[in-house]
Amino acid sequence: MDVPWPSAYTSWMKNLGFANFDLLSMLGMTCLPGMDYELRFVSSTLMVVGIVAIVGIQYCLKASALRKKLTDISGEQKMVAAHHVFDTVDIDENGTIDPEEFELCLNHIAPDKHVLTPEEITSAMVKLGAKIPEGEFLPVLDRSQFVRAVLADKLGKENSTSWIKFLETDKLRSAYISIAVQVMLLCHAPTTKRVLYYFNTQVLSARGADGSLVVGGVTRRFLKVDYSMEMCFTGEECDGRWKLFLPFVLVTLIAYCIALPVYIVYALCKASKKGLWSPRELTKYGFLYARFNKGAEGWEIHELVQKNLLCGVIGFLPETVQAAVAILICIIAIANLNYFQPPRNKVCMIVLETAFFTTTFKYLAAVLLNSGMSSEADKYIMGIFLVSLDITVMAFGVIGSVYVMYEFMETYQDDVIKAAAKEKRLSAAIAKTSVMPISNGEEVKDEQMTADMKAELKGWKVK
């Protein structure tokens, strides 16, 4: 967008150039001889590829270590896994698993295309020791019964070792996919802007002495981001530079700019078939929508579309309407934000609202500057106003981050204390168990447990 921004604001934006993830700019190397557009493009793209590659290598190392660790699963690991699965599928957190939650449990530990009937589900629960509470019609499993079933290898089609390996491997894979996708989301808008700008050209046509266009004259196209590069395929004046670099740009466009949104849409559609908020789908794809409220799970796509429209697409429109279209996009985004209210955290909602409004104000400022604001004093005031908008968003972001981190640390400390207490009790009980591990299909009978373990299981029963 061609806007006569105030000098105070342009100087401020140069200091924020790192947000474009331009490696050479961050290192201050763009002014060195030979640092052409292609090198800047490649360095920025390879930075993303390098980070994702490091994440992939780290995943392979962790997966290899996990396979060795899960070669021989102890009774303690089985019990910890049992508690984890129980807490995951106990949606209402009432300390018992009802038939609906038990179905989620089976889908979580051993996904199967076969849909179980209600009779099959209740029958399986009864075999595991489920009881029908007084005044109720459906059986429920308490924590102690669930743990016994896991230790006896009764849960799932195969023994507990099989699905514990499956869950741990799946959880690790999902964690590293989440990291890779988040990195790519962070760099997506700047990269897409560079790709689109590769096709955004300034047309130069032959003109006569009086300034009129020459009919049949030569028309040439130069990239607006680098006038040393001409967009051409043939001709005497064509040096082939643009055409030579085109395959790399197209690969980036297809393999990253287009593939990432397509993957997110595919993942959301696939997860929605089995329930976006089911434990199984949350483990696999929850990083895409778990932080959003129900009904706004696709907000990440909304963000990608908005950023790419503002950063790249409006550059192809006539300069006279670019700012107006950008304001329209921002207003629609604000309306969607207030309608769907996607962030589950209210502080994040305030920060996001602030960012959307300040972006709209910036495009309104662009309209005022293009309308003929000639006074240097007015431009100076406008520059200070624009810088203030950025500082406001940053301040809200920092305050929000500190508050969210504070909430997280409080919750984390409580969880650590509870987990440590539970782990201590489990370790003490399992260490005194007379028979460990238990062979497939063998029941855990009361005489096979120590008094400590019986007391532990009894303490988990719902009263």
Protein backbone atom coordinates (compact mmCIF):
# COMPACT_ATOMS: atom_id res chain seq x y z
CA MET A 1 0.00 0.00 0.00
CA ASP A 2 1.52 3.28 -1.15
CA VAL A 3 0.97 5.63 1.81
CA PRO A 4 3.10 8.66 2.79
CA TRP A 5 3.62 7.41 6.34
CA PRO A 6 5.15 9.90 8.79
CA SER A 7 8.91 9.56 9.25
CA ALA A 8 8.47 8.83 12.97
CA TYR A 9 6.31 5.83 12.14
CA THR A 10 8.56 4.49 9.35
CA SER A 11 11.56 4.64 11.71
CA TRP A 12 9.55 2.79 14.32
CA MET A 13 8.52 0.10 11.83
CA LYS A 14 12.14 -0.47 10.80
CA ASN A 15 12.89 -1.36 14.40
CA LEU A 16 10.10 -3.96 14.25
CA GLY A 17 11.39 -5.57 11.05
CA PHE A 18 12.17 -8.81 12.92
CA ALA A 19 8.43 -9.55 12.97
CA ASN A 20 8.66 -10.37 9.24
CA PHE A 21 11.03 -13.28 10.06
CA ASP A 22 13.58 -11.98 7.58
CA LEU A 23 16.82 -13.58 8.74
CA LEU A 24 19.12 -11.29 6.75
CA SER A 25 17.30 -8.17 7.95
CA MET A 26 17.57 -9.32 11.55
CA LEU A 27 21.32 -9.81 11.08
CA GLY A 28 21.66 -6.44 9.30
CA MET A 29 23.01 -8.02 6.11
CA THR A 30 20.51 -6.74 3.55
CA CYS A 31 22.72 -3.80 2.56
CA LEU A 32 25.73 -5.96 1.77
CA PRO A 33 26.71 -6.41 -1.91
CA GLY A 34 25.02 -9.38 -3.58
CA MET A 35 22.09 -9.49 -1.15
CA ASP A 36 19.40 -9.59 -3.81
CA TYR A 37 15.70 -10.37 -3.52
CA GLU A 38 16.11 -14.09 -4.17
CA LEU A 39 18.60 -14.55 -1.35
CA ARG A 40 16.36 -12.70 1.10
CA PHE A 41 13.40 -14.84 0.02
CA VAL A 42 15.33 -18.11 0.34
CA SER A 43 16.82 -17.23 3.74
CA SER A 44 13.40 -16.40 5.21
CA THR A 45 11.82 -19.57 3.84
CA LEU A 46 14.69 -21.83 4.88
CA MET A 47 14.50 -20.44 8.40
CA VAL A 48 11.01 -21.94 8.71
CA VAL A 49 12.16 -25.18 7.09
CA GLY A 50 15.13 -25.35 9.47
CA ILE A 51 13.00 -24.91 12.58
CA VAL A 52 10.53 -27.55 11.44
CA ALA A 53 13.42 -29.89 10.57
CA ILE A 54 14.88 -29.47 14.07
CA VAL A 55 11.47 -30.29 15.56
CA GLY A 56 11.29 -33.39 13.35
CA ILE A 57 14.75 -34.58 14.41
CA GLN A 58 13.89 -34.01 18.06
CA TYR A 59 10.71 -36.05 17.61
CA CYS A 60 12.63 -38.96 16.07
CA LEU A 61 15.05 -38.99 19.01
CA LYS A 62 12.24 -38.83 21.55
CA ALA A 63 10.26 -41.54 19.74
CA SER A 64 13.27 -43.85 19.73
CA ALA A 65 13.80 -43.30 23.47
CA LEU A 66 10.10 -43.88 24.14
CA ARG A 67 10.10 -47.19 22.25
CA LYS A 68 12.96 -48.42 24.41
CA LYS A 69 11.21 -47.22 27.54
CA LEU A 70 7.98 -49.03 26.62
CA THR A 71 9.66 -52.34 25.81
CA ASP A 72 8.74 -53.71 29.21
CA ILE A 73 5.90 -51.85 30.91
CA SER A 74 5.84 -52.24 34.68
CA GLY A 75 2.80 -52.49 36.88
CA GLU A 76 3.43 -48.97 38.11
CA GLN A 77 3.32 -47.62 34.54
CA LYS A 78 0.06 -49.50 33.95
CA MET A 79 -1.50 -47.99 37.03
CA VAL A 80 -0.37 -44.47 36.14
CA ALA A 81 -1.76 -44.96 32.61
CA ALA A 82 -5.04 -46.20 34.07
CA HIS A 83 -5.42 -43.07 36.19
CA HIS A 84 -4.55 -40.85 33.24
CA VAL A 85 -7.16 -42.49 30.99
CA PHE A 86 -9.77 -42.41 33.76
CA ASP A 87 -9.23 -38.68 34.35
CA THR A 88 -9.31 -38.03 30.59
CA VAL A 89 -12.64 -39.72 29.89
CA ASP A 90 -14.37 -38.71 33.13
CA ILE A 91 -15.87 -35.67 31.42
CA ASP A 92 -18.26 -34.68 34.22
CA GLU A 93 -15.53 -35.30 36.85
CA ASN A 94 -17.89 -37.16 39.19
CA GLY A 95 -15.41 -39.98 39.89
CA THR A 96 -17.24 -42.61 37.83
CA ILE A 97 -17.44 -43.64 34.18
CA ASP A 98 -20.92 -44.03 32.70
CA PRO A 99 -21.65 -45.90 29.42
CA GLU A 100 -21.18 -42.78 27.29
CA GLU A 101 -17.81 -42.05 28.88
CA PHE A 102 -16.83 -45.72 28.63
CA GLU A 103 -17.44 -45.58 24.88
CA LEU A 104 -15.15 -42.55 24.72
CA CYS A 105 -12.60 -44.57 26.67
CA LEU A 106 -12.67 -47.46 24.18
CA ASN A 107 -12.35 -45.06 21.24
CA HIS A 108 -9.50 -43.32 23.01
CA ILE A 109 -7.35 -46.36 23.74
CA ALA A 110 -8.23 -48.47 20.69
CA PRO A 111 -9.95 -46.62 17.82
CA ASP A 112 -12.18 -48.98 15.87
CA LYS A 113 -14.50 -48.45 12.91
CA HIS A 114 -17.01 -50.84 14.49
CA VAL A 115 -19.63 -48.87 16.42
CA LEU A 116 -20.61 -50.60 19.64
CA THR A 117 -24.28 -50.85 20.54
CA PRO A 118 -25.47 -49.63 23.96
CA GLU A 119 -26.01 -53.26 24.97
CA GLU A 120 -22.42 -54.17 24.06
CA ILE A 121 -21.08 -51.22 26.01
CA THR A 122 -23.04 -51.96 29.18
CA SER A 123 -22.20 -55.66 28.90
CA ALA A 124 -18.48 -54.86 28.67
CA MET A 125 -18.76 -52.59 31.70
CA VAL A 126 -20.49 -55.25 33.77
CA LYS A 127 -17.73 -57.75 32.91
CA LEU A 128 -15.24 -55.27 34.35
CA GLY A 129 -17.18 -55.07 37.60
CA ALA A 130 -19.47 -52.11 36.98
CA LYS A 131 -22.43 -51.73 39.32
CA ILE A 132 -25.79 -50.05 38.91
CA PRO A 133 -26.20 -47.39 41.64
CA GLU A 134 -29.39 -47.36 43.64
CA GLY A 135 -32.12 -45.46 41.86
CA GLU A 136 -30.26 -45.55 38.52
CA PHE A 137 -30.69 -47.67 35.39
CA LEU A 138 -27.20 -47.69 33.89
CA PRO A 139 -24.01 -49.23 35.27
CA VAL A 140 -21.01 -47.13 36.25
CA LEU A 141 -17.35 -47.94 36.82
CA ASP A 142 -15.56 -46.32 39.74
CA ARG A 143 -11.83 -45.66 39.75
CA SER A 144 -10.87 -48.79 41.68
CA GLN A 145 -12.79 -51.07 39.31
CA PHE A 146 -11.23 -49.35 36.31
CA VAL A 147 -7.70 -49.71 37.71
CA ARG A 148 -8.30 -53.41 38.46
CA ALA A 149 -9.45 -53.96 34.86
CA VAL A 150 -6.31 -52.32 33.49
CA LEU A 151 -4.00 -54.31 35.76
CA ALA A 152 -5.76 -57.51 34.72
CA ASP A 153 -5.36 -56.62 31.01
CA LYS A 154 -9.12 -56.68 30.51
CA LEU A 155 -9.51 -53.25 28.92
CA GLY A 156 -9.39 -53.09 25.14
CA LYS A 157 -9.16 -55.81 22.54
CA GLU A 158 -5.55 -56.55 23.45
CA ASN A 159 -3.60 -56.41 26.67
CA SER A 160 -2.92 -53.15 28.45
CA THR A 161 0.65 -53.00 27.16
CA SER A 162 -0.56 -52.59 23.58
CA TRP A 163 -2.81 -49.60 24.12
CA ILE A 164 -0.45 -47.94 26.58
CA LYS A 165 2.25 -48.01 23.88
CA PHE A 166 -0.27 -46.70 21.36
CA LEU A 167 -1.38 -43.82 23.61
CA GLU A 168 2.13 -42.76 24.60
CA THR A 169 3.38 -42.84 21.00
CA ASP A 170 0.31 -41.00 19.74
CA LYS A 171 0.62 -38.36 22.47
CA LEU A 172 4.28 -37.74 21.62
CA ARG A 173 3.56 -37.48 17.89
CA SER A 174 0.69 -35.04 18.47
CA ALA A 175 2.87 -32.88 20.73
CA TYR A 176 5.57 -32.46 18.11
CA ILE A 177 3.10 -31.93 15.27
CA SER A 178 1.59 -29.19 17.42
CA ILE A 179 4.98 -27.47 17.79
CA ALA A 180 5.70 -27.69 14.05
CA VAL A 181 2.26 -26.37 13.06
CA GLN A 182 2.45 -23.50 15.55
CA VAL A 183 5.82 -22.44 14.12
CA MET A 184 4.43 -22.57 10.58
CA LEU A 185 1.34 -20.59 11.61
CA LEU A 186 3.56 -17.92 13.13
CA CYS A 187 5.56 -17.51 9.92
CA HIS A 188 2.72 -18.12 7.47
CA ALA A 189 1.55 -14.53 6.88
CA PRO A 190 5.04 -13.03 6.23
CA THR A 191 5.96 -15.91 3.91
CA THR A 192 2.68 -15.71 2.00
CA LYS A 193 3.19 -11.96 1.59
CA ARG A 194 6.60 -12.54 0.00
CA VAL A 195 5.16 -15.16 -2.34
CA LEU A 196 2.29 -12.94 -3.46
CA TYR A 197 4.57 -9.94 -3.91
CA TYR A 198 6.57 -11.99 -6.38
CA PHE A 199 3.61 -11.62 -8.75
CA ASN A 200 2.77 -8.00 -7.82
CA THR A 201 4.32 -5.83 -10.52
CA GLN A 202 4.50 -2.26 -11.72
CA VAL A 203 3.59 -1.94 -15.39
CA LEU A 204 5.77 0.42 -17.46
CA SER A 205 4.57 1.26 -20.98
CA ALA A 206 6.26 3.12 -23.80
CA ARG A 207 5.16 6.76 -24.02
CA GLY A 208 5.69 9.52 -26.56
CA ALA A 209 7.26 12.91 -25.98
CA ASP A 210 3.90 14.33 -24.95
CA GLY A 211 3.42 11.60 -22.36
CA SER A 212 0.76 9.66 -24.26
CA LEU A 213 0.91 5.88 -24.59
CA VAL A 214 2.49 4.58 -27.76
CA VAL A 215 0.19 2.16 -29.54
CA GLY A 216 1.98 -1.15 -29.98
CA GLY A 217 4.80 0.05 -27.76
CA VAL A 218 6.77 -2.17 -25.39
CA THR A 219 5.20 -2.89 -22.03
CA ARG A 220 7.41 -4.15 -19.22
CA ARG A 221 6.60 -5.36 -15.69
CA PHE A 222 8.90 -4.95 -12.69
CA LEU A 223 8.41 -6.27 -9.18
CA LYS A 224 7.29 -3.54 -6.80
CA VAL A 225 9.44 -4.99 -4.02
CA ASP A 226 12.55 -5.07 -6.22
CA TYR A 227 12.62 -2.99 -9.42
CA SER A 228 15.82 -4.73 -10.51
CA MET A 229 13.78 -7.86 -11.28
CA GLU A 230 11.57 -7.93 -14.36
CA MET A 231 8.63 -10.29 -14.68
CA CYS A 232 9.10 -11.82 -18.11
CA PHE A 233 9.50 -15.13 -19.93
CA THR A 234 10.89 -14.23 -23.37
CA GLY A 235 12.23 -11.22 -25.22
CA GLU A 236 15.51 -9.47 -25.83
CA GLU A 237 15.25 -7.39 -22.66
CA CYS A 238 14.38 -10.40 -20.49
CA ASP A 239 17.33 -11.68 -18.45
CA GLY A 240 15.42 -14.77 -17.23
CA ARG A 241 16.01 -13.96 -13.57
CA TRP A 242 12.33 -13.94 -12.62
CA LYS A 243 11.60 -17.12 -14.58
CA LEU A 244 14.60 -18.93 -13.06
CA PHE A 245 13.45 -18.29 -9.48
CA LEU A 246 9.77 -18.96 -10.20
CA PRO A 247 9.86 -22.76 -9.43
CA PHE A 248 11.12 -22.12 -5.88
CA VAL A 249 8.35 -19.58 -5.29
CA LEU A 250 5.69 -21.96 -6.63
CA VAL A 251 6.96 -24.79 -4.41
CA THR A 252 6.75 -22.50 -1.39
CA LEU A 253 3.26 -21.40 -2.42
CA ILE A 254 1.92 -24.95 -2.80
CA ALA A 255 3.88 -26.82 -0.12
CA TYR A 256 3.48 -24.21 2.60
CA CYS A 257 1.16 -21.28 1.90
CA ILE A 258 -1.66 -23.46 0.54
CA ALA A 259 -0.87 -26.80 2.20
CA LEU A 260 -1.01 -25.47 5.79
CA PRO A 261 -4.60 -24.10 5.62
CA VAL A 262 -5.67 -27.22 3.73
CA TYR A 263 -4.19 -29.41 6.48
CA ILE A 264 -6.00 -27.43 9.20
CA VAL A 265 -9.34 -27.69 7.37
CA TYR A 266 -8.77 -31.42 6.79
CA ALA A 267 -7.86 -32.00 10.44
CA LEU A 268 -10.92 -30.11 11.71
CA CYS A 269 -13.27 -31.93 9.32
CA LYS A 270 -11.79 -35.30 10.24
CA ALA A 271 -12.00 -34.59 13.96
CA SER A 272 -15.57 -33.28 13.70
CA LYS A 273 -16.78 -36.66 12.44
CA LYS A 274 -15.92 -38.27 15.77
CA GLY A 275 -16.48 -35.21 17.94
CA LEU A 276 -14.05 -32.32 18.20
CA TRP A 277 -14.11 -32.42 21.99
CA SER A 278 -13.78 -36.16 22.45
CA PRO A 279 -10.62 -37.22 24.32
CA ARG A 280 -9.21 -39.01 21.28
CA GLU A 281 -9.58 -36.04 18.91
CA LEU A 282 -8.42 -33.56 21.54
CA THR A 283 -5.21 -35.55 21.90
CA LYS A 284 -4.60 -35.55 18.13
CA TYR A 285 -5.86 -32.16 16.98
CA GLY A 286 -6.67 -30.23 20.14
CA PHE A 287 -3.73 -27.87 19.60
CA LEU A 288 -5.69 -26.33 16.72
CA TYR A 289 -8.83 -25.42 18.68
CA ALA A 290 -8.62 -26.37 22.38
CA ARG A 291 -7.94 -22.74 23.35
CA PHE A 292 -11.11 -21.60 21.57
CA ASN A 293 -14.70 -21.83 22.73
CA LYS A 294 -17.11 -24.36 21.28
CA GLY A 295 -18.54 -23.09 18.01
CA ALA A 296 -15.33 -21.21 17.16
CA GLU A 297 -13.01 -24.17 16.57
CA GLY A 298 -12.16 -22.93 13.07
CA TRP A 299 -10.94 -19.53 14.25
CA GLU A 300 -7.37 -20.34 13.20
CA ILE A 301 -8.54 -20.43 9.57
CA HIS A 302 -10.26 -17.08 10.08
CA GLU A 303 -6.97 -15.64 11.34
CA LEU A 304 -5.01 -17.00 8.38
CA VAL A 305 -7.49 -15.61 5.85
CA GLN A 306 -7.58 -12.19 7.51
CA LYS A 307 -3.78 -11.87 7.75
CA ASN A 308 -3.20 -12.97 4.17
CA LEU A 309 -5.86 -10.64 2.81
CA LEU A 310 -4.37 -7.67 4.65
CA CYS A 311 -0.71 -8.55 4.09
CA GLY A 312 -0.75 -9.65 0.48
CA VAL A 313 -4.00 -9.78 -1.45
CA ILE A 314 -4.98 -6.11 -1.14
CA GLY A 315 -1.66 -5.22 -2.79
CA PHE A 316 -3.12 -6.35 -6.12
CA LEU A 317 -6.05 -3.93 -5.89
CA PRO A 318 -5.96 -0.38 -7.27
CA GLU A 319 -4.21 1.92 -4.83
CA THR A 320 -7.29 4.14 -4.57
CA VAL A 321 -9.36 1.38 -2.93
CA GLN A 322 -6.75 -0.58 -0.97
CA ALA A 323 -7.24 1.26 2.33
CA ALA A 324 -11.05 1.14 2.04
CA VAL A 325 -11.05 -2.61 1.38
CA ALA A 326 -8.64 -3.13 4.29
CA ILE A 327 -10.97 -1.20 6.62
CA LEU A 328 -13.90 -3.35 5.44
CA ILE A 329 -11.91 -6.53 6.16
CA CYS A 330 -11.02 -5.25 9.65
CA ILE A 331 -14.64 -4.35 10.45
CA ILE A 332 -15.83 -7.80 9.38
CA ALA A 333 -13.08 -9.37 11.52
CA ILE A 334 -14.14 -7.32 14.56
CA ALA A 335 -17.77 -8.32 14.02
CA ASN A 336 -16.80 -12.00 13.81
CA LEU A 337 -14.62 -11.68 16.90
CA ASN A 338 -17.43 -10.24 19.00
CA TYR A 339 -19.99 -12.69 17.63
CA PHE A 340 -18.00 -15.91 18.11
CA GLN A 341 -15.79 -14.72 21.01
CA PRO A 342 -13.31 -17.51 20.30
CA PRO A 343 -10.68 -17.16 23.09
CA ARG A 344 -11.62 -19.16 26.17
CA ASN A 345 -9.43 -16.87 28.26
CA LYS A 346 -11.07 -13.46 28.77
CA VAL A 347 -7.71 -11.70 28.96
CA CYS A 348 -6.78 -13.07 25.53
CA MET A 349 -10.11 -11.81 24.24
CA ILE A 350 -9.31 -8.27 25.43
CA VAL A 351 -5.84 -8.37 23.85
CA LEU A 352 -7.23 -9.67 20.56
CA GLU A 353 -9.97 -7.04 20.52
CA THR A 354 -7.36 -4.32 21.11
CA ALA A 355 -5.19 -5.59 18.24
CA PHE A 356 -8.15 -5.68 15.83
CA PHE A 357 -9.27 -2.14 16.68
CA THR A 358 -5.77 -0.67 16.40
CA THR A 359 -5.33 -2.32 12.98
CA THR A 360 -8.55 -0.66 11.83
CA PHE A 361 -7.36 2.72 13.12
CA LYS A 362 -4.13 2.34 11.14
CA TYR A 363 -5.98 1.90 7.87
CA LEU A 364 -8.19 4.88 8.75
CA ALA A 365 -4.97 6.84 9.25
CA ALA A 366 -3.82 5.67 5.80
CA VAL A 367 -6.98 7.14 4.28
CA LEU A 368 -6.34 10.49 6.02
CA LEU A 369 -2.69 10.55 4.92
CA ASN A 370 -3.63 9.77 1.31
CA SER A 371 -6.29 12.48 1.33
CA GLY A 372 -3.66 15.22 1.40
CA MET A 373 -2.37 15.75 4.93
CA SER A 374 0.46 18.11 3.97
CA SER A 375 1.27 19.86 7.23
CA GLU A 376 4.44 18.51 8.84
CA ALA A 377 2.98 19.13 12.29
CA ASP A 378 -0.10 17.06 11.43
CA LYS A 379 2.08 14.28 10.06
CA TYR A 380 4.20 14.32 13.19
CA ILE A 381 1.11 14.03 15.40
CA MET A 382 -0.21 11.22 13.21
CA GLY A 383 3.13 9.41 13.49
CA ILE A 384 3.07 9.66 17.28
CA PHE A 385 -0.52 8.38 17.25
CA LEU A 386 0.40 5.37 15.10
CA VAL A 387 3.40 4.51 17.27
CA SER A 388 1.16 4.83 20.34
CA LEU A 389 -1.24 2.31 18.85
CA ASP A 390 1.56 -0.23 18.46
CA ILE A 391 2.84 0.41 21.97
CA THR A 392 -0.70 -0.02 23.33
CA VAL A 393 -1.08 -3.41 21.67
CA MET A 394 2.35 -4.49 22.91
CA ALA A 395 1.56 -3.35 26.44
CA PHE A 396 -1.74 -5.22 26.45
CA GLY A 397 0.04 -8.27 25.04
CA VAL A 398 2.76 -8.21 27.72
CA ILE A 399 0.25 -7.66 30.54
CA GLY A 400 -1.97 -10.41 29.17
CA SER A 401 0.98 -12.80 28.81
CA VAL A 402 2.09 -12.15 32.39
CA TYR A 403 -1.44 -12.69 33.69
CA VAL A 404 -1.93 -15.90 31.70
CA MET A 405 1.48 -17.16 32.83
CA TYR A 406 0.58 -16.37 36.44
CA GLU A 407 -2.67 -18.32 36.13
CA PHE A 408 -0.82 -21.19 34.48
CA MET A 409 1.83 -21.35 37.20
CA GLU A 410 -0.82 -21.39 39.92
CA THR A 411 -2.68 -24.23 38.21
CA TYR A 412 0.56 -26.04 37.43
CA GLN A 413 1.76 -25.89 41.05
CA ASP A 414 -1.55 -27.29 42.29
CA ASP A 415 -1.37 -30.09 39.72
CA VAL A 416 2.24 -30.88 40.63
CA ILE A 417 1.40 -31.14 44.32
CA LYS A 418 -1.57 -33.41 43.63
CA ALA A 419 0.37 -35.54 41.14
CA ALA A 420 3.30 -35.91 43.55
CA ALA A 421 1.00 -37.03 46.35
CA LYS A 422 -0.76 -39.52 44.07
CA GLU A 423 2.56 -40.82 42.70
CA LYS A 424 3.88 -41.35 46.23
CA ARG A 425 0.81 -43.34 47.23
CA LEU A 426 0.90 -45.40 44.03
CA SER A 427 4.61 -46.19 44.36
CA ALA A 428 4.19 -47.31 47.96
CA ALA A 429 1.24 -49.53 47.10
CA ILE A 430 2.75 -51.09 43.99
CA ALA A 431 6.11 -51.76 45.63
CA LYS A 432 4.40 -54.08 48.11
CA THR A 433 2.19 -55.86 45.58
CA SER A 434 2.88 -59.60 45.63
CA VAL A 435 2.21 -60.36 41.95
CA MET A 436 3.56 -57.95 39.29
CA PRO A 437 3.22 -57.84 36.35
CA ILE A 438 -0.01 -59.71 35.85
CA SER A 439 -0.31 -61.99 32.85
CA ASN A 440 -2.92 -61.44 30.19
CA GLY A 441 -6.42 -62.38 31.19
CA GLU A 442 -5.56 -63.02 34.85
CA GLU A 443 -7.80 -61.34 37.39
CA VAL A 444 -6.48 -59.18 40.18
CA LYS A 445 -7.86 -60.95 43.21
CA ASP A 446 -7.94 -59.47 46.68
CA GLU A 447 -5.45 -62.02 48.01
CA GLN A 448 -2.93 -60.86 45.39
CA MET A 449 -2.86 -57.35 46.83
CA THR A 450 -1.23 -55.97 49.91
CA ALA A 451 -3.17 -54.17 52.59
CA ASP A 452 -1.74 -50.86 51.38
CA MET A 453 -2.95 -51.37 47.83
CA LYS A 454 -6.40 -52.47 49.02
CA ALA A 455 -6.63 -49.33 51.13
CA GLU A 456 -5.52 -47.27 48.15
CA LEU A 457 -8.19 -48.71 45.88
CA LYS A 458 -10.81 -48.43 48.59
CA GLY A 459 -9.98 -44.78 48.99
CA TRP A 460 -10.76 -44.18 45.32
CA LYS A 461 -14.27 -45.61 45.54
CA VAL A 462 -17.09 -43.11 45.18
CA LYS A 463 -19.09 -42.79 48.37
